[in-house]
All heavy atoms as atom14 arrays in JSON, in Angstrom:
{
  "sequence": "QLDRSHIVAYVKKGTRPEKDAYSGFEGTDDSGNPLAELLRQRGIKKVY",
  "atom14_mask": [
    [1, 1, 1, 1, 1, 1, 1, 1, 1, 0, 0, 0, 0, 0],
    [1, 1, 1, 1, 1, 1, 1, 1, 0, 0, 0, 0, 0, 0],
    [1, 1, 1, 1, 1, 1, 1, 1, 0, 0, 0, 0, 0, 0],
    [1, 1, 1, 1, 1, 1, 1, 1, 1, 1, 1, 0, 0, 0],
    [1, 1, 1, 1, 1, 1, 0, 0, 0, 0, 0, 0, 0, 0],
    [1, 1, 1, 1, 1, 1, 1, 1, 1, 1, 0, 0, 0, 0],
    [1, 1, 1, 1, 1, 1, 1, 1, 0, 0, 0, 0, 0, 0],
    [1, 1, 1, 1, 1, 1, 1, 0, 0, 0, 0, 0, 0, 0],
    [1, 1, 1, 1, 1, 0, 0, 0, 0, 0, 0, 0, 0, 0],
    [1, 1, 1, 1, 1, 1, 1, 1, 1, 1, 1, 1, 0, 0],
    [1, 1, 1, 1, 1, 1, 1, 0, 0, 0, 0, 0, 0, 0],
    [1, 1, 1, 1, 1, 1, 1, 1, 1, 0, 0, 0, 0, 0],
    [1, 1, 1, 1, 1, 1, 1, 1, 1, 0, 0, 0, 0, 0],
    [1, 1, 1, 1, 0, 0, 0, 0, 0, 0, 0, 0, 0, 0],
    [1, 1, 1, 1, 1, 1, 1, 0, 0, 0, 0, 0, 0, 0],
    [1, 1, 1, 1, 1, 1, 1, 1, 1, 1, 1, 0, 0, 0],
    [1, 1, 1, 1, 1, 1, 1, 0, 0, 0, 0, 0, 0, 0],
    [1, 1, 1, 1, 1, 1, 1, 1, 1, 0, 0, 0, 0, 0],
    [1, 1, 1, 1, 1, 1, 1, 1, 1, 0, 0, 0, 0, 0],
    [1, 1, 1, 1, 1, 1, 1, 1, 0, 0, 0, 0, 0, 0],
    [1, 1, 1, 1, 1, 0, 0, 0, 0, 0, 0, 0, 0, 0],
    [1, 1, 1, 1, 1, 1, 1, 1, 1, 1, 1, 1, 0, 0],
    [1, 1, 1, 1, 1, 1, 0, 0, 0, 0, 0, 0, 0, 0],
    [1, 1, 1, 1, 0, 0, 0, 0, 0, 0, 0, 0, 0, 0],
    [1, 1, 1, 1, 1, 1, 1, 1, 1, 1, 1, 0, 0, 0],
    [1, 1, 1, 1, 1, 1, 1, 1, 1, 0, 0, 0, 0, 0],
    [1, 1, 1, 1, 0, 0, 0, 0, 0, 0, 0, 0, 0, 0],
    [1, 1, 1, 1, 1, 1, 1, 0, 0, 0, 0, 0, 0, 0],
    [1, 1, 1, 1, 1, 1, 1, 1, 0, 0, 0, 0, 0, 0],
    [1, 1, 1, 1, 1, 1, 1, 1, 0, 0, 0, 0, 0, 0],
    [1, 1, 1, 1, 1, 1, 0, 0, 0, 0, 0, 0, 0, 0],
    [1, 1, 1, 1, 0, 0, 0, 0, 0, 0, 0, 0, 0, 0],
    [1, 1, 1, 1, 1, 1, 1, 1, 0, 0, 0, 0, 0, 0],
    [1, 1, 1, 1, 1, 1, 1, 0, 0, 0, 0, 0, 0, 0],
    [1, 1, 1, 1, 1, 1, 1, 1, 0, 0, 0, 0, 0, 0],
    [1, 1, 1, 1, 1, 0, 0, 0, 0, 0, 0, 0, 0, 0],
    [1, 1, 1, 1, 1, 1, 1, 1, 1, 0, 0, 0, 0, 0],
    [1, 1, 1, 1, 1, 1, 1, 1, 0, 0, 0, 0, 0, 0],
    [1, 1, 1, 1, 1, 1, 1, 1, 0, 0, 0, 0, 0, 0],
    [1, 1, 1, 1, 1, 1, 1, 1, 1, 1, 1, 0, 0, 0],
    [1, 1, 1, 1, 1, 1, 1, 1, 1, 0, 0, 0, 0, 0],
    [1, 1, 1, 1, 1, 1, 1, 1, 1, 1, 1, 0, 0, 0],
    [1, 1, 1, 1, 0, 0, 0, 0, 0, 0, 0, 0, 0, 0],
    [1, 1, 1, 1, 1, 1, 1, 1, 0, 0, 0, 0, 0, 0],
    [1, 1, 1, 1, 1, 1, 1, 1, 1, 0, 0, 0, 0, 0],
    [1, 1, 1, 1, 1, 1, 1, 1, 1, 0, 0, 0, 0, 0],
    [1, 1, 1, 1, 1, 1, 1, 0, 0, 0, 0, 0, 0, 0],
    [1, 1, 1, 1, 1, 1, 1, 1, 1, 1, 1, 1, 0, 0]
  ],
  "atom14_positions": [
    [[69.16, 101.39, 74.33], [68.89, 102.68, 74.95], [70.06, 103.66, 74.81], [69.96, 104.81, 75.26], [68.53, 102.49, 76.42], [67.21, 101.75, 76.61], [66.87, 101.48, 78.05], [67.59, 101.9, 78.96], [65.79, 100.76, 78.28], [0.0, 0.0, 0.0], [0.0, 0.0, 0.0], [0.0, 0.0, 0.0], [0.0, 0.0, 0.0], [0.0, 0.0, 0.0]],
    [[71.15, 103.23, 74.2], [72.27, 104.14, 73.96], [71.89, 105.13, 72.88], [71.48, 104.75, 71.78], [73.51, 103.35, 73.55], [74.79, 104.17, 73.37], [75.3, 104.66, 74.72], [75.87, 103.33, 72.68], [0.0, 0.0, 0.0], [0.0, 0.0, 0.0], [0.0, 0.0, 0.0], [0.0, 0.0, 0.0], [0.0, 0.0, 0.0], [0.0, 0.0, 0.0]],
    [[72.01, 106.41, 73.18], [71.68, 107.46, 72.22], [72.75, 107.53, 71.14], [73.89, 107.89, 71.4], [71.57, 108.81, 72.96], [71.17, 109.96, 72.03], [70.97, 109.72, 70.83], [71.06, 111.08, 72.55], [0.0, 0.0, 0.0], [0.0, 0.0, 0.0], [0.0, 0.0, 0.0], [0.0, 0.0, 0.0], [0.0, 0.0, 0.0], [0.0, 0.0, 0.0]],
    [[72.36, 107.18, 69.92], [73.31, 107.15, 68.8], [73.39, 108.48, 68.06], [74.2, 108.63, 67.14], [72.93, 106.05, 67.82], [73.06, 104.64, 68.38], [72.27, 103.66, 67.51], [72.46, 102.29, 67.89], [71.92, 101.7, 68.95], [71.15, 102.41, 69.75], [72.13, 100.42, 69.22], [0.0, 0.0, 0.0], [0.0, 0.0, 0.0], [0.0, 0.0, 0.0]],
    [[72.57, 109.44, 68.42], [72.45, 110.65, 67.61], [73.73, 111.47, 67.58], [73.93, 112.27, 66.66], [71.29, 111.51, 68.11], [71.51, 111.99, 69.42], [0.0, 0.0, 0.0], [0.0, 0.0, 0.0], [0.0, 0.0, 0.0], [0.0, 0.0, 0.0], [0.0, 0.0, 0.0], [0.0, 0.0, 0.0], [0.0, 0.0, 0.0], [0.0, 0.0, 0.0]],
    [[74.61, 111.3, 68.56], [75.86, 112.07, 68.6], [77.06, 111.28, 68.09], [78.16, 111.83, 68.0], [76.13, 112.54, 70.03], [75.03, 113.39, 70.6], [74.88, 114.72, 70.29], [74.01, 113.08, 71.44], [73.82, 115.2, 70.92], [73.28, 114.23, 71.62], [0.0, 0.0, 0.0], [0.0, 0.0, 0.0], [0.0, 0.0, 0.0], [0.0, 0.0, 0.0]],
    [[76.87, 110.01, 67.77], [77.98, 109.16, 67.33], [78.33, 109.48, 65.88], [77.47, 109.43, 65.01], [77.64, 107.67, 67.49], [77.39, 107.34, 68.97], [78.75, 106.79, 66.93], [76.88, 105.92, 69.22], [0.0, 0.0, 0.0], [0.0, 0.0, 0.0], [0.0, 0.0, 0.0], [0.0, 0.0, 0.0], [0.0, 0.0, 0.0], [0.0, 0.0, 0.0]],
    [[79.6, 109.82, 65.65], [80.03, 110.18, 64.29], [80.86, 109.08, 63.63], [81.11, 109.14, 62.43], [80.82, 111.51, 64.29], [79.98, 112.63, 64.87], [82.14, 111.37, 65.06], [0.0, 0.0, 0.0], [0.0, 0.0, 0.0], [0.0, 0.0, 0.0], [0.0, 0.0, 0.0], [0.0, 0.0, 0.0], [0.0, 0.0, 0.0], [0.0, 0.0, 0.0]],
    [[81.29, 108.08, 64.41], [82.09, 107.0, 63.83], [81.93, 105.75, 64.68], [81.78, 105.82, 65.91], [83.57, 107.39, 63.75], [0.0, 0.0, 0.0], [0.0, 0.0, 0.0], [0.0, 0.0, 0.0], [0.0, 0.0, 0.0], [0.0, 0.0, 0.0], [0.0, 0.0, 0.0], [0.0, 0.0, 0.0], [0.0, 0.0, 0.0], [0.0, 0.0, 0.0]],
    [[81.97, 104.61, 64.0], [81.9, 103.3, 64.66], [83.18, 102.55, 64.33], [83.57, 102.46, 63.16], [80.69, 102.51, 64.16], [79.36, 103.14, 64.52], [78.81, 104.13, 63.7], [78.68, 102.77, 65.66], [77.59, 104.72, 64.02], [77.46, 103.35, 66.0], [76.92, 104.32, 65.17], [75.72, 104.91, 65.5], [0.0, 0.0, 0.0], [0.0, 0.0, 0.0]],
    [[83.83, 102.04, 65.35], [85.11, 101.33, 65.19], [84.91, 99.89, 65.63], [84.49, 99.62, 66.77], [86.2, 102.03, 66.02], [87.46, 101.16, 66.08], [86.53, 103.39, 65.43], [0.0, 0.0, 0.0], [0.0, 0.0, 0.0], [0.0, 0.0, 0.0], [0.0, 0.0, 0.0], [0.0, 0.0, 0.0], [0.0, 0.0, 0.0], [0.0, 0.0, 0.0]],
    [[85.23, 98.97, 64.75], [85.07, 97.54, 65.05], [86.44, 96.91, 65.26], [87.4, 97.23, 64.55], [84.31, 96.85, 63.93], [82.86, 97.33, 63.81], [82.12, 96.62, 62.69], [80.64, 96.94, 62.71], [80.36, 98.36, 62.42], [0.0, 0.0, 0.0], [0.0, 0.0, 0.0], [0.0, 0.0, 0.0], [0.0, 0.0, 0.0], [0.0, 0.0, 0.0]],
    [[86.51, 95.99, 66.23], [87.78, 95.35, 66.57], [87.57, 93.86, 66.8], [86.45, 93.4, 67.0], [88.37, 96.0, 67.82], [87.48, 95.99, 69.05], [88.05, 96.89, 70.14], [87.13, 96.95, 71.36], [87.06, 95.69, 72.11], [0.0, 0.0, 0.0], [0.0, 0.0, 0.0], [0.0, 0.0, 0.0], [0.0, 0.0, 0.0], [0.0, 0.0, 0.0]],
    [[88.7, 93.12, 66.75], [88.61, 91.67, 66.9], [87.9, 91.02, 65.73], [87.19, 90.03, 65.9], [0.0, 0.0, 0.0], [0.0, 0.0, 0.0], [0.0, 0.0, 0.0], [0.0, 0.0, 0.0], [0.0, 0.0, 0.0], [0.0, 0.0, 0.0], [0.0, 0.0, 0.0], [0.0, 0.0, 0.0], [0.0, 0.0, 0.0], [0.0, 0.0, 0.0]],
    [[88.11, 91.54, 64.53], [87.37, 91.08, 63.36], [88.0, 89.86, 62.68], [87.34, 89.23, 61.84], [87.26, 92.21, 62.33], [88.57, 92.63, 61.94], [86.51, 93.41, 62.92], [0.0, 0.0, 0.0], [0.0, 0.0, 0.0], [0.0, 0.0, 0.0], [0.0, 0.0, 0.0], [0.0, 0.0, 0.0], [0.0, 0.0, 0.0], [0.0, 0.0, 0.0]],
    [[89.24, 89.55, 63.04], [89.93, 88.43, 62.41], [89.97, 87.24, 63.36], [90.16, 87.41, 64.57], [91.35, 88.84, 62.02], [91.39, 89.84, 60.89], [92.69, 90.61, 60.83], [93.87, 89.78, 61.01], [95.11, 90.26, 61.21], [95.29, 91.58, 61.26], [96.11, 89.46, 61.36], [0.0, 0.0, 0.0], [0.0, 0.0, 0.0], [0.0, 0.0, 0.0]],
    [[89.79, 86.01, 62.85], [89.7, 84.85, 63.73], [90.93, 84.65, 64.61], [90.81, 84.22, 65.77], [89.55, 83.67, 62.75], [89.02, 84.25, 61.5], [89.58, 85.65, 61.43], [0.0, 0.0, 0.0], [0.0, 0.0, 0.0], [0.0, 0.0, 0.0], [0.0, 0.0, 0.0], [0.0, 0.0, 0.0], [0.0, 0.0, 0.0], [0.0, 0.0, 0.0]],
    [[92.1, 84.97, 64.08], [93.34, 84.63, 64.77], [93.87, 85.73, 65.68], [94.88, 85.54, 66.36], [94.43, 84.27, 63.74], [95.04, 85.45, 62.99], [94.19, 86.05, 61.87], [93.05, 85.54, 61.65], [94.64, 86.99, 61.21], [0.0, 0.0, 0.0], [0.0, 0.0, 0.0], [0.0, 0.0, 0.0], [0.0, 0.0, 0.0], [0.0, 0.0, 0.0]],
    [[93.2, 86.89, 65.73], [93.75, 88.02, 66.47], [92.71, 88.6, 67.42], [91.64, 89.02, 67.0], [94.24, 89.11, 65.52], [94.99, 90.24, 66.23], [95.53, 91.25, 65.24], [96.41, 92.29, 65.9], [95.74, 93.02, 67.0], [0.0, 0.0, 0.0], [0.0, 0.0, 0.0], [0.0, 0.0, 0.0], [0.0, 0.0, 0.0], [0.0, 0.0, 0.0]],
    [[93.06, 88.63, 68.71], [92.2, 89.27, 69.68], [92.52, 90.76, 69.73], [93.61, 91.18, 69.32], [92.37, 88.64, 71.06], [91.13, 88.78, 71.91], [90.16, 89.43, 71.46], [91.1, 88.24, 73.04], [0.0, 0.0, 0.0], [0.0, 0.0, 0.0], [0.0, 0.0, 0.0], [0.0, 0.0, 0.0], [0.0, 0.0, 0.0], [0.0, 0.0, 0.0]],
    [[91.6, 91.54, 70.23], [91.81, 92.99, 70.31], [90.93, 93.52, 71.43], [89.71, 93.48, 71.34], [91.47, 93.66, 68.99], [0.0, 0.0, 0.0], [0.0, 0.0, 0.0], [0.0, 0.0, 0.0], [0.0, 0.0, 0.0], [0.0, 0.0, 0.0], [0.0, 0.0, 0.0], [0.0, 0.0, 0.0], [0.0, 0.0, 0.0], [0.0, 0.0, 0.0]],
    [[91.57, 94.01, 72.49], [90.83, 94.62, 73.58], [90.69, 96.13, 73.39], [89.65, 96.71, 73.65], [91.52, 94.32, 74.92], [91.35, 92.88, 75.38], [92.35, 91.94, 75.18], [90.18, 92.48, 76.01], [92.19, 90.62, 75.59], [90.01, 91.17, 76.43], [91.01, 90.24, 76.22], [90.85, 88.94, 76.63], [0.0, 0.0, 0.0], [0.0, 0.0, 0.0]],
    [[91.75, 96.77, 72.94], [91.76, 98.23, 72.83], [91.0, 98.71, 71.6], [91.13, 98.14, 70.51], [93.2, 98.74, 72.75], [93.23, 100.1, 72.39], [0.0, 0.0, 0.0], [0.0, 0.0, 0.0], [0.0, 0.0, 0.0], [0.0, 0.0, 0.0], [0.0, 0.0, 0.0], [0.0, 0.0, 0.0], [0.0, 0.0, 0.0], [0.0, 0.0, 0.0]],
    [[90.24, 99.79, 71.79], [89.61, 100.42, 70.63], [90.61, 100.9, 69.61], [90.28, 101.03, 68.43], [0.0, 0.0, 0.0], [0.0, 0.0, 0.0], [0.0, 0.0, 0.0], [0.0, 0.0, 0.0], [0.0, 0.0, 0.0], [0.0, 0.0, 0.0], [0.0, 0.0, 0.0], [0.0, 0.0, 0.0], [0.0, 0.0, 0.0], [0.0, 0.0, 0.0]],
    [[91.84, 101.17, 70.03], [92.88, 101.63, 69.12], [93.42, 100.52, 68.23], [94.22, 100.79, 67.33], [93.99, 102.33, 69.9], [93.57, 103.68, 70.41], [92.96, 103.81, 71.64], [93.76, 104.82, 69.64], [92.54, 105.06, 72.11], [93.34, 106.06, 70.09], [92.72, 106.19, 71.33], [0.0, 0.0, 0.0], [0.0, 0.0, 0.0], [0.0, 0.0, 0.0]],
    [[92.97, 99.3, 68.45], [93.29, 98.19, 67.56], [92.23, 98.0, 66.49], [92.37, 97.12, 65.62], [93.46, 96.9, 68.36], [94.6, 96.92, 69.35], [94.69, 95.64, 70.15], [95.33, 94.69, 69.66], [94.12, 95.59, 71.26], [0.0, 0.0, 0.0], [0.0, 0.0, 0.0], [0.0, 0.0, 0.0], [0.0, 0.0, 0.0], [0.0, 0.0, 0.0]],
    [[91.17, 98.79, 66.55], [90.08, 98.65, 65.6], [90.11, 99.69, 64.5], [90.91, 100.63, 64.51], [0.0, 0.0, 0.0], [0.0, 0.0, 0.0], [0.0, 0.0, 0.0], [0.0, 0.0, 0.0], [0.0, 0.0, 0.0], [0.0, 0.0, 0.0], [0.0, 0.0, 0.0], [0.0, 0.0, 0.0], [0.0, 0.0, 0.0], [0.0, 0.0, 0.0]],
    [[89.21, 99.53, 63.53], [89.09, 100.46, 62.41], [87.61, 100.69, 62.11], [86.74, 99.9, 62.49], [89.75, 99.92, 61.13], [89.12, 98.7, 60.75], [91.24, 99.67, 61.35], [0.0, 0.0, 0.0], [0.0, 0.0, 0.0], [0.0, 0.0, 0.0], [0.0, 0.0, 0.0], [0.0, 0.0, 0.0], [0.0, 0.0, 0.0], [0.0, 0.0, 0.0]],
    [[87.35, 101.79, 61.39], [85.99, 102.0, 60.9], [85.79, 101.19, 59.62], [86.68, 100.45, 59.19], [85.7, 103.49, 60.71], [86.49, 104.12, 59.56], [87.22, 103.41, 58.83], [86.39, 105.35, 59.39], [0.0, 0.0, 0.0], [0.0, 0.0, 0.0], [0.0, 0.0, 0.0], [0.0, 0.0, 0.0], [0.0, 0.0, 0.0], [0.0, 0.0, 0.0]],
    [[84.61, 101.32, 59.02], [84.31, 100.5, 57.84], [85.18, 100.84, 56.64], [85.26, 100.05, 55.69], [82.83, 100.66, 57.46], [81.9, 99.98, 58.46], [82.37, 99.1, 59.2], [80.7, 100.36, 58.51], [0.0, 0.0, 0.0], [0.0, 0.0, 0.0], [0.0, 0.0, 0.0], [0.0, 0.0, 0.0], [0.0, 0.0, 0.0], [0.0, 0.0, 0.0]],
    [[85.86, 102.0, 56.68], [86.78, 102.37, 55.6], [88.22, 101.98, 55.89], [89.11, 102.29, 55.1], [86.7, 103.88, 55.34], [85.4, 104.25, 54.93], [0.0, 0.0, 0.0], [0.0, 0.0, 0.0], [0.0, 0.0, 0.0], [0.0, 0.0, 0.0], [0.0, 0.0, 0.0], [0.0, 0.0, 0.0], [0.0, 0.0, 0.0], [0.0, 0.0, 0.0]],
    [[88.43, 101.33, 57.03], [89.77, 100.89, 57.39], [90.6, 101.91, 58.13], [91.8, 101.7, 58.34], [0.0, 0.0, 0.0], [0.0, 0.0, 0.0], [0.0, 0.0, 0.0], [0.0, 0.0, 0.0], [0.0, 0.0, 0.0], [0.0, 0.0, 0.0], [0.0, 0.0, 0.0], [0.0, 0.0, 0.0], [0.0, 0.0, 0.0], [0.0, 0.0, 0.0]],
    [[89.99, 103.0, 58.57], [90.73, 104.03, 59.31], [90.84, 103.65, 60.78], [89.82, 103.4, 61.43], [90.02, 105.38, 59.2], [89.92, 105.86, 57.77], [90.93, 106.0, 57.09], [88.7, 106.12, 57.3], [0.0, 0.0, 0.0], [0.0, 0.0, 0.0], [0.0, 0.0, 0.0], [0.0, 0.0, 0.0], [0.0, 0.0, 0.0], [0.0, 0.0, 0.0]],
    [[92.04, 103.62, 61.34], [92.2, 103.31, 62.76], [91.7, 104.45, 63.63], [91.61, 105.61, 63.2], [93.7, 103.09, 62.93], [94.33, 103.77, 61.77], [93.34, 103.78, 60.66], [0.0, 0.0, 0.0], [0.0, 0.0, 0.0], [0.0, 0.0, 0.0], [0.0, 0.0, 0.0], [0.0, 0.0, 0.0], [0.0, 0.0, 0.0], [0.0, 0.0, 0.0]],
    [[91.37, 104.12, 64.89], [90.78, 105.1, 65.8], [91.66, 106.33, 65.98], [91.16, 107.46, 65.94], [90.51, 104.43, 67.15], [89.95, 105.32, 68.26], [88.7, 106.06, 67.82], [89.68, 104.49, 69.5], [0.0, 0.0, 0.0], [0.0, 0.0, 0.0], [0.0, 0.0, 0.0], [0.0, 0.0, 0.0], [0.0, 0.0, 0.0], [0.0, 0.0, 0.0]],
    [[92.95, 106.14, 66.19], [93.83, 107.29, 66.41], [93.78, 108.26, 65.22], [93.75, 109.48, 65.39], [95.26, 106.84, 66.65], [0.0, 0.0, 0.0], [0.0, 0.0, 0.0], [0.0, 0.0, 0.0], [0.0, 0.0, 0.0], [0.0, 0.0, 0.0], [0.0, 0.0, 0.0], [0.0, 0.0, 0.0], [0.0, 0.0, 0.0], [0.0, 0.0, 0.0]],
    [[93.74, 107.72, 64.02], [93.69, 108.56, 62.82], [92.36, 109.29, 62.73], [92.3, 110.48, 62.38], [93.91, 107.7, 61.57], [93.95, 108.48, 60.27], [94.26, 107.59, 59.09], [95.05, 106.64, 59.24], [93.69, 107.86, 58.01], [0.0, 0.0, 0.0], [0.0, 0.0, 0.0], [0.0, 0.0, 0.0], [0.0, 0.0, 0.0], [0.0, 0.0, 0.0]],
    [[91.27, 108.59, 63.05], [89.95, 109.23, 63.03], [89.91, 110.44, 63.96], [89.35, 111.48, 63.62], [88.89, 108.22, 63.48], [88.52, 107.09, 62.51], [87.64, 106.07, 63.22], [87.82, 107.64, 61.29], [0.0, 0.0, 0.0], [0.0, 0.0, 0.0], [0.0, 0.0, 0.0], [0.0, 0.0, 0.0], [0.0, 0.0, 0.0], [0.0, 0.0, 0.0]],
    [[90.51, 110.27, 65.13], [90.51, 111.36, 66.11], [91.39, 112.52, 65.64], [90.99, 113.69, 65.72], [90.99, 110.84, 67.46], [90.08, 109.78, 68.12], [90.76, 109.19, 69.34], [88.72, 110.36, 68.48], [0.0, 0.0, 0.0], [0.0, 0.0, 0.0], [0.0, 0.0, 0.0], [0.0, 0.0, 0.0], [0.0, 0.0, 0.0], [0.0, 0.0, 0.0]],
    [[92.57, 112.21, 65.15], [93.49, 113.28, 64.73], [92.94, 114.04, 63.53], [93.12, 115.25, 63.42], [94.86, 112.69, 64.43], [95.57, 112.18, 65.68], [97.03, 111.88, 65.45], [97.67, 111.45, 66.67], [97.98, 110.18, 66.96], [97.73, 109.22, 66.07], [98.55, 109.87, 68.1], [0.0, 0.0, 0.0], [0.0, 0.0, 0.0], [0.0, 0.0, 0.0]],
    [[92.27, 113.33, 62.63], [91.67, 114.0, 61.47], [90.66, 115.06, 61.89], [90.43, 116.04, 61.17], [90.97, 112.96, 60.57], [91.91, 112.1, 59.76], [91.17, 110.99, 59.03], [89.99, 110.72, 59.3], [91.85, 110.33, 58.1], [0.0, 0.0, 0.0], [0.0, 0.0, 0.0], [0.0, 0.0, 0.0], [0.0, 0.0, 0.0], [0.0, 0.0, 0.0]],
    [[90.06, 114.86, 63.05], [89.03, 115.77, 63.55], [89.58, 116.76, 64.58], [88.82, 117.46, 65.23], [87.88, 114.96, 64.15], [87.09, 114.18, 63.09], [86.19, 113.14, 63.73], [85.27, 112.55, 62.76], [85.58, 111.56, 61.93], [86.82, 111.04, 61.96], [84.69, 111.07, 61.08], [0.0, 0.0, 0.0], [0.0, 0.0, 0.0], [0.0, 0.0, 0.0]],
    [[90.9, 116.82, 64.72], [91.52, 117.79, 65.6], [91.4, 117.48, 67.08], [91.51, 118.39, 67.92], [0.0, 0.0, 0.0], [0.0, 0.0, 0.0], [0.0, 0.0, 0.0], [0.0, 0.0, 0.0], [0.0, 0.0, 0.0], [0.0, 0.0, 0.0], [0.0, 0.0, 0.0], [0.0, 0.0, 0.0], [0.0, 0.0, 0.0], [0.0, 0.0, 0.0]],
    [[91.21, 116.21, 67.41], [91.01, 115.82, 68.81], [92.35, 115.69, 69.52], [93.28, 115.06, 69.02], [90.22, 114.5, 68.88], [88.83, 114.69, 68.28], [90.15, 113.99, 70.32], [88.0, 115.77, 68.93], [0.0, 0.0, 0.0], [0.0, 0.0, 0.0], [0.0, 0.0, 0.0], [0.0, 0.0, 0.0], [0.0, 0.0, 0.0], [0.0, 0.0, 0.0]],
    [[92.41, 116.28, 70.72], [93.61, 116.17, 71.57], [93.3, 115.53, 72.91], [94.22, 115.06, 73.6], [94.21, 117.56, 71.79], [94.7, 118.22, 70.51], [95.26, 119.61, 70.75], [95.73, 120.25, 69.46], [96.22, 121.64, 69.69], [0.0, 0.0, 0.0], [0.0, 0.0, 0.0], [0.0, 0.0, 0.0], [0.0, 0.0, 0.0], [0.0, 0.0, 0.0]],
    [[92.02, 115.52, 73.3], [91.62, 114.97, 74.59], [90.54, 113.92, 74.37], [89.64, 114.12, 73.54], [91.07, 116.07, 75.51], [92.09, 117.13, 75.86], [91.46, 118.28, 76.62], [90.69, 119.19, 75.71], [90.39, 120.51, 76.3], [0.0, 0.0, 0.0], [0.0, 0.0, 0.0], [0.0, 0.0, 0.0], [0.0, 0.0, 0.0], [0.0, 0.0, 0.0]],
    [[90.61, 112.81, 75.1], [89.56, 111.8, 75.0], [89.02, 111.49, 76.39], [89.77, 111.46, 77.37], [90.04, 110.52, 74.31], [90.42, 110.8, 72.86], [91.2, 109.87, 75.04], [0.0, 0.0, 0.0], [0.0, 0.0, 0.0], [0.0, 0.0, 0.0], [0.0, 0.0, 0.0], [0.0, 0.0, 0.0], [0.0, 0.0, 0.0], [0.0, 0.0, 0.0]],
    [[87.73, 111.29, 76.44], [87.02, 110.87, 77.65], [86.5, 109.46, 77.37], [85.76, 109.26, 76.39], [85.88, 111.83, 77.97], [86.33, 113.18, 78.46], [86.97, 114.09, 77.61], [86.12, 113.56, 79.79], [87.39, 115.34, 78.06], [86.54, 114.81, 80.24], [87.16, 115.69, 79.38], [87.58, 116.93, 79.84], [0.0, 0.0, 0.0], [0.0, 0.0, 0.0]]
  ]
}
């Protein structure tokens, strides 16, 4: 029931067997871009 129509990027984390990851900032999109970079590329300064 989550509306996906506004989602512009998906970030996956905890993808390696030996490394846990709680923070979204430890993840990357399918092209390997980390979350912080994805946000800065789009001119983002505030996150909710």
